[in-house]
Each structure stands twice: as C-alpha cells, then as structure tokens.
PDB file of all heavy atoms in Angstrom:
ATOM      1  N   SER A   1       0.838  -1.212  -0.020  1.00  0.00           N
ATOM      2  CA  SER A   1       0.000   0.008  -0.041  1.00  0.00           C
ATOM      3  C   SER A   1       0.818   1.269  -0.003  1.00  0.00           C
ATOM      4  O   SER A   1       0.561   2.243  -0.685  1.00  0.00           O
ATOM      5  CB  SER A   1      -0.892   0.018   1.223  1.00  0.00           C
ATOM      6  OG  SER A   1      -1.832  -1.093   1.178  1.00  0.00           O
ATOM      7  N   GLY A   2       1.943   1.245   0.811  1.00  0.00           N
ATOM      8  CA  GLY A   2       2.786   2.405   0.841  1.00  0.00           C
ATOM      9  C   GLY A   2       3.531   2.673  -0.499  1.00  0.00           C
ATOM     10  O   GLY A   2       3.659   3.836  -0.895  1.00  0.00           O
ATOM     11  N   ASN A   3       3.952   1.585  -1.119  1.00  0.00           N
ATOM     12  CA  ASN A   3       4.568   1.721  -2.484  1.00  0.00           C
ATOM     13  C   ASN A   3       3.601   2.310  -3.489  1.00  0.00           C
ATOM     14  O   ASN A   3       3.926   3.083  -4.286  1.00  0.00           O
ATOM     15  CB  ASN A   3       5.106   0.397  -2.916  1.00  0.00           C
ATOM     16  CG  ASN A   3       5.758   0.406  -4.259  1.00  0.00           C
ATOM     17  OD1 ASN A   3       5.088   0.157  -5.274  1.00  0.00           O
ATOM     18  ND2 ASN A   3       7.033   0.748  -4.302  1.00  0.00           N
ATOM     19  N   ALA A   4       2.338   1.876  -3.396  1.00  0.00           N
ATOM     20  CA  ALA A   4       1.333   2.311  -4.347  1.00  0.00           C
ATOM     21  C   ALA A   4       1.011   3.800  -4.192  1.00  0.00           C
ATOM     22  O   ALA A   4       0.658   4.414  -5.210  1.00  0.00           O
ATOM     23  CB  ALA A   4       0.093   1.442  -4.219  1.00  0.00           C
ATOM     24  N   THR A   5       1.081   4.350  -2.985  1.00  0.00           N
ATOM     25  CA  THR A   5       0.773   5.688  -2.745  1.00  0.00           C
ATOM     26  C   THR A   5       1.992   6.598  -2.886  1.00  0.00           C
ATOM     27  O   THR A   5       1.954   7.810  -2.649  1.00  0.00           O
ATOM     28  CB  THR A   5       0.172   5.889  -1.315  1.00  0.00           C
ATOM     29  OG1 THR A   5       1.123   5.396  -0.347  1.00  0.00           O
ATOM     30  CG2 THR A   5      -1.087   5.110  -1.200  1.00  0.00           C
ATOM     31  N   GLY A   6       3.177   6.022  -3.209  1.00  0.00           N
ATOM     32  CA  GLY A   6       4.323   6.814  -3.489  1.00  0.00           C
ATOM     33  C   GLY A   6       5.130   7.110  -2.166  1.00  0.00           C
ATOM     34  O   GLY A   6       5.961   8.062  -2.163  1.00  0.00           O
ATOM     35  N   ASN A   7       4.859   6.411  -1.102  1.00  0.00           N
ATOM     36  CA  ASN A   7       5.565   6.656   0.156  1.00  0.00           C
ATOM     37  C   ASN A   7       7.032   6.359  -0.042  1.00  0.00           C
ATOM     38  O   ASN A   7       7.407   5.223  -0.480  1.00  0.00           O
ATOM     39  CB  ASN A   7       4.966   5.735   1.262  1.00  0.00           C
ATOM     40  CG  ASN A   7       5.501   6.146   2.629  1.00  0.00           C
ATOM     41  OD1 ASN A   7       6.644   6.417   2.796  1.00  0.00           O
ATOM     42  ND2 ASN A   7       4.639   6.126   3.568  1.00  0.00           N
ATOM     43  N   PRO A   8       7.960   7.318   0.224  1.00  0.00           N
ATOM     44  CA  PRO A   8       9.400   7.114  -0.070  1.00  0.00           C
ATOM     45  C   PRO A   8       9.997   6.003   0.813  1.00  0.00           C
ATOM     46  O   PRO A   8      11.023   5.461   0.447  1.00  0.00           O
ATOM     47  CB  PRO A   8       9.987   8.451   0.251  1.00  0.00           C
ATOM     48  CG  PRO A   8       9.057   9.112   1.129  1.00  0.00           C
ATOM     49  CD  PRO A   8       7.693   8.692   0.688  1.00  0.00           C
ATOM     50  N   ALA A   9       9.384   5.651   1.953  1.00  0.00           N
ATOM     51  CA  ALA A   9       9.911   4.547   2.742  1.00  0.00           C
ATOM     52  C   ALA A   9       9.808   3.231   2.049  1.00  0.00           C
ATOM     53  O   ALA A   9      10.590   2.299   2.406  1.00  0.00           O
ATOM     54  CB  ALA A   9       9.082   4.505   4.081  1.00  0.00           C
ATOM     55  N   TYR A  10       8.925   3.113   1.025  1.00  0.00           N
ATOM     56  CA  TYR A  10       8.770   1.822   0.304  1.00  0.00           C
ATOM     57  C   TYR A  10       8.995   2.022  -1.170  1.00  0.00           C
ATOM     58  O   TYR A  10       8.409   1.304  -1.983  1.00  0.00           O
ATOM     59  CB  TYR A  10       7.356   1.289   0.570  1.00  0.00           C
ATOM     60  CG  TYR A  10       7.056   1.070   2.022  1.00  0.00           C
ATOM     61  CD1 TYR A  10       5.997   1.798   2.643  1.00  0.00           C
ATOM     62  CD2 TYR A  10       7.800   0.186   2.822  1.00  0.00           C
ATOM     63  CE1 TYR A  10       5.699   1.622   3.978  1.00  0.00           C
ATOM     64  CE2 TYR A  10       7.488   0.017   4.158  1.00  0.00           C
ATOM     65  CZ  TYR A  10       6.453   0.752   4.735  1.00  0.00           C
ATOM     66  OH  TYR A  10       6.137   0.583   6.070  1.00  0.00           O
ATOM     67  N   ALA A  11       9.853   3.018  -1.568  1.00  0.00           N
ATOM     68  CA  ALA A  11       9.982   3.393  -2.946  1.00  0.00           C
ATOM     69  C   ALA A  11      10.483   2.190  -3.798  1.00  0.00           C
ATOM     70  O   ALA A  11      10.059   1.992  -4.930  1.00  0.00           O
ATOM     71  CB  ALA A  11      10.953   4.553  -3.070  1.00  0.00           C
ATOM     72  N   ASN A  12      11.399   1.382  -3.268  1.00  0.00           N
ATOM     73  CA  ASN A  12      11.967   0.323  -4.038  1.00  0.00           C
ATOM     74  C   ASN A  12      11.680  -1.033  -3.486  1.00  0.00           C
ATOM     75  O   ASN A  12      12.418  -1.990  -3.678  1.00  0.00           O
ATOM     76  CB  ASN A  12      13.503   0.526  -4.097  1.00  0.00           C
ATOM     77  CG  ASN A  12      13.924   1.832  -4.711  1.00  0.00           C
ATOM     78  OD1 ASN A  12      13.441   2.126  -5.828  1.00  0.00           O
ATOM     79  ND2 ASN A  12      14.728   2.556  -4.046  1.00  0.00           N
ATOM     80  N   SER A  13      10.501  -1.170  -2.807  1.00  0.00           N
ATOM     81  CA  SER A  13      10.191  -2.382  -2.082  1.00  0.00           C
ATOM     82  C   SER A  13       9.275  -3.366  -2.826  1.00  0.00           C
ATOM     83  O   SER A  13       9.013  -4.413  -2.415  1.00  0.00           O
ATOM     84  CB  SER A  13       9.530  -2.025  -0.720  1.00  0.00           C
ATOM     85  OG  SER A  13      10.506  -1.337   0.087  1.00  0.00           O
ATOM     86  N   VAL A  14       8.717  -2.911  -3.993  1.00  0.00           N
ATOM     87  CA  VAL A  14       7.801  -3.755  -4.806  1.00  0.00           C
ATOM     88  C   VAL A  14       8.286  -3.753  -6.219  1.00  0.00           C
ATOM     89  O   VAL A  14       8.505  -2.725  -6.777  1.00  0.00           O
ATOM     90  CB  VAL A  14       6.344  -3.219  -4.676  1.00  0.00           C
ATOM     91  CG1 VAL A  14       5.387  -4.060  -5.534  1.00  0.00           C
ATOM     92  CG2 VAL A  14       5.889  -3.234  -3.235  1.00  0.00           C
ATOM     93  N   VAL A  15       8.364  -4.985  -6.771  1.00  0.00           N
ATOM     94  CA  VAL A  15       8.712  -5.084  -8.173  1.00  0.00           C
ATOM     95  C   VAL A  15       7.544  -5.675  -8.954  1.00  0.00           C
ATOM     96  O   VAL A  15       6.954  -6.665  -8.563  1.00  0.00           O
ATOM     97  CB  VAL A  15       9.937  -6.126  -8.382  1.00  0.00           C
ATOM     98  CG1 VAL A  15      10.269  -6.312  -9.826  1.00  0.00           C
ATOM     99  CG2 VAL A  15      11.170  -5.542  -7.580  1.00  0.00           C
ATOM    100  N   ARG A  16       7.169  -4.989 -10.052  1.00  0.00           N
ATOM    101  CA  ARG A  16       6.039  -5.360 -10.842  1.00  0.00           C
ATOM    102  C   ARG A  16       6.433  -5.710 -12.334  1.00  0.00           C
ATOM    103  O   ARG A  16       7.474  -5.208 -12.758  1.00  0.00           O
ATOM    104  CB  ARG A  16       4.953  -4.262 -10.898  1.00  0.00           C
ATOM    105  CG  ARG A  16       4.420  -3.958  -9.563  1.00  0.00           C
ATOM    106  CD  ARG A  16       3.399  -2.741  -9.624  1.00  0.00           C
ATOM    107  NE  ARG A  16       2.822  -2.406  -8.396  1.00  0.00           N
ATOM    108  CZ  ARG A  16       1.653  -2.916  -7.890  1.00  0.00           C
ATOM    109  NH1 ARG A  16       0.985  -3.745  -8.606  1.00  0.00           N
ATOM    110  NH2 ARG A  16       1.289  -2.508  -6.665  1.00  0.00           N
ATOM    111  N   ASP A  17       5.624  -6.455 -13.006  1.00  0.00           N
ATOM    112  CA  ASP A  17       5.871  -6.789 -14.391  1.00  0.00           C
ATOM    113  C   ASP A  17       5.250  -5.726 -15.265  1.00  0.00           C
ATOM    114  O   ASP A  17       4.696  -4.687 -14.784  1.00  0.00           O
ATOM    115  CB  ASP A  17       5.459  -8.159 -14.793  1.00  0.00           C
ATOM    116  CG  ASP A  17       3.930  -8.382 -14.627  1.00  0.00           C
ATOM    117  OD1 ASP A  17       3.189  -7.411 -14.540  1.00  0.00           O
ATOM    118  OD2 ASP A  17       3.477  -9.549 -14.577  1.00  0.00           O
ATOM    119  N   ALA A  18       5.305  -5.887 -16.550  1.00  0.00           N
ATOM    120  CA  ALA A  18       4.755  -4.891 -17.501  1.00  0.00           C
ATOM    121  C   ALA A  18       3.199  -4.722 -17.336  1.00  0.00           C
ATOM    122  O   ALA A  18       2.675  -3.669 -17.732  1.00  0.00           O
ATOM    123  CB  ALA A  18       5.029  -5.279 -18.913  1.00  0.00           C
ATOM    124  N   ASN A  19       2.542  -5.715 -16.786  1.00  0.00           N
ATOM    125  CA  ASN A  19       1.109  -5.545 -16.599  1.00  0.00           C
ATOM    126  C   ASN A  19       0.742  -5.142 -15.235  1.00  0.00           C
ATOM    127  O   ASN A  19      -0.434  -5.272 -14.747  1.00  0.00           O
ATOM    128  CB  ASN A  19       0.412  -6.921 -16.869  1.00  0.00           C
ATOM    129  CG  ASN A  19       0.582  -7.344 -18.353  1.00  0.00           C
ATOM    130  OD1 ASN A  19       0.535  -6.521 -19.237  1.00  0.00           O
ATOM    131  ND2 ASN A  19       0.884  -8.596 -18.564  1.00  0.00           N
ATOM    132  N   ASN A  20       1.698  -4.672 -14.423  1.00  0.00           N
ATOM    133  CA  ASN A  20       1.538  -4.152 -13.041  1.00  0.00           C
ATOM    134  C   ASN A  20       1.225  -5.292 -12.054  1.00  0.00           C
ATOM    135  O   ASN A  20       0.877  -4.998 -10.929  1.00  0.00           O
ATOM    136  CB  ASN A  20       0.404  -3.105 -12.977  1.00  0.00           C
ATOM    137  CG  ASN A  20       0.932  -1.754 -13.069  1.00  0.00           C
ATOM    138  OD1 ASN A  20       2.134  -1.502 -12.858  1.00  0.00           O
ATOM    139  ND2 ASN A  20       0.086  -0.777 -13.477  1.00  0.00           N
ATOM    140  N   ASN A  21       1.440  -6.515 -12.396  1.00  0.00           N
ATOM    141  CA  ASN A  21       1.329  -7.613 -11.477  1.00  0.00           C
ATOM    142  C   ASN A  21       2.604  -7.651 -10.561  1.00  0.00           C
ATOM    143  O   ASN A  21       3.726  -7.518 -11.109  1.00  0.00           O
ATOM    144  CB  ASN A  21       1.140  -8.921 -12.198  1.00  0.00           C
ATOM    145  CG  ASN A  21      -0.156  -9.016 -12.996  1.00  0.00           C
ATOM    146  OD1 ASN A  21      -1.221  -8.677 -12.471  1.00  0.00           O
ATOM    147  ND2 ASN A  21      -0.039  -9.376 -14.279  1.00  0.00           N
ATOM    148  N   ILE A  22       2.411  -7.898  -9.306  1.00  0.00           N
ATOM    149  CA  ILE A  22       3.571  -7.883  -8.405  1.00  0.00           C
ATOM    150  C   ILE A  22       4.374  -9.141  -8.558  1.00  0.00           C
ATOM    151  O   ILE A  22       3.782 -10.303  -8.495  1.00  0.00           O
ATOM    152  CB  ILE A  22       3.067  -7.702  -6.925  1.00  0.00           C
ATOM    153  CG1 ILE A  22       2.433  -6.363  -6.800  1.00  0.00           C
ATOM    154  CG2 ILE A  22       4.217  -7.870  -5.975  1.00  0.00           C
ATOM    155  CD1 ILE A  22       1.865  -6.094  -5.405  1.00  0.00           C
ATOM    156  N   LEU A  23       5.682  -9.004  -8.670  1.00  0.00           N
ATOM    157  CA  LEU A  23       6.556 -10.171  -8.771  1.00  0.00           C
ATOM    158  C   LEU A  23       7.134 -10.473  -7.426  1.00  0.00           C
ATOM    159  O   LEU A  23       7.172 -11.655  -6.994  1.00  0.00           O
ATOM    160  CB  LEU A  23       7.639  -9.909  -9.812  1.00  0.00           C
ATOM    161  CG  LEU A  23       7.210  -9.679 -11.227  1.00  0.00           C
ATOM    162  CD1 LEU A  23       8.311  -9.377 -12.108  1.00  0.00           C
ATOM    163  CD2 LEU A  23       6.434 -10.880 -11.774  1.00  0.00           C
ATOM    164  N   THR A  24       7.758  -9.461  -6.750  1.00  0.00           N
ATOM    165  CA  THR A  24       8.315  -9.681  -5.443  1.00  0.00           C
ATOM    166  C   THR A  24       8.087  -8.446  -4.534  1.00  0.00           C
ATOM    167  O   THR A  24       7.839  -7.331  -5.011  1.00  0.00           O
ATOM    168  CB  THR A  24       9.877  -9.811  -5.516  1.00  0.00           C
ATOM    169  OG1 THR A  24      10.393  -8.732  -6.131  1.00  0.00           O
ATOM    170  CG2 THR A  24      10.184 -11.091  -6.340  1.00  0.00           C
ATOM    171  N   VAL A  25       8.145  -8.691  -3.243  1.00  0.00           N
ATOM    172  CA  VAL A  25       8.022  -7.668  -2.184  1.00  0.00           C
ATOM    173  C   VAL A  25       9.255  -7.778  -1.331  1.00  0.00           C
ATOM    174  O   VAL A  25       9.664  -8.906  -0.971  1.00  0.00           O
ATOM    175  CB  VAL A  25       6.707  -7.762  -1.370  1.00  0.00           C
ATOM    176  CG1 VAL A  25       6.705  -6.824  -0.186  1.00  0.00           C
ATOM    177  CG2 VAL A  25       5.489  -7.589  -2.251  1.00  0.00           C
ATOM    178  N   ASN A  26       9.807  -6.608  -0.903  1.00  0.00           N
ATOM    179  CA  ASN A  26      10.928  -6.611   0.001  1.00  0.00           C
ATOM    180  C   ASN A  26      10.488  -6.128   1.362  1.00  0.00           C
ATOM    181  O   ASN A  26      10.008  -4.983   1.486  1.00  0.00           O
ATOM    182  CB  ASN A  26      12.002  -5.654  -0.575  1.00  0.00           C
ATOM    183  CG  ASN A  26      13.288  -5.702   0.249  1.00  0.00           C
ATOM    184  OD1 ASN A  26      13.564  -6.661   0.995  1.00  0.00           O
ATOM    185  ND2 ASN A  26      14.114  -4.652   0.097  1.00  0.00           N
ATOM    186  N   SER A  27      10.635  -6.966   2.385  1.00  0.00           N
ATOM    187  CA  SER A  27      10.164  -6.687   3.704  1.00  0.00           C
ATOM    188  C   SER A  27      11.153  -7.052   4.748  1.00  0.00           C
ATOM    189  O   SER A  27      10.873  -7.993   5.531  1.00  0.00           O
ATOM    190  CB  SER A  27       8.793  -7.333   3.931  1.00  0.00           C
ATOM    191  OG  SER A  27       8.245  -6.902   5.214  1.00  0.00           O
TER     192      SER A  27
END
C-alpha cells in the first residue's frame, strides 16, 4: 500500500511486471 501511494519509505520495495502484477516484495 505504501509503495502504491508513493511513500518514499517503500519506494524500491515492490517489483512489478509490464502488466503491473507484483513479482516480489521486499520486507
């Protein structure tokens, strides 16, 4: 949720493919 809203704390924590499907999360 934080990555989706542009929160800088989670700026590089979610990797998506070309269709916006999530591939990995960093926690």
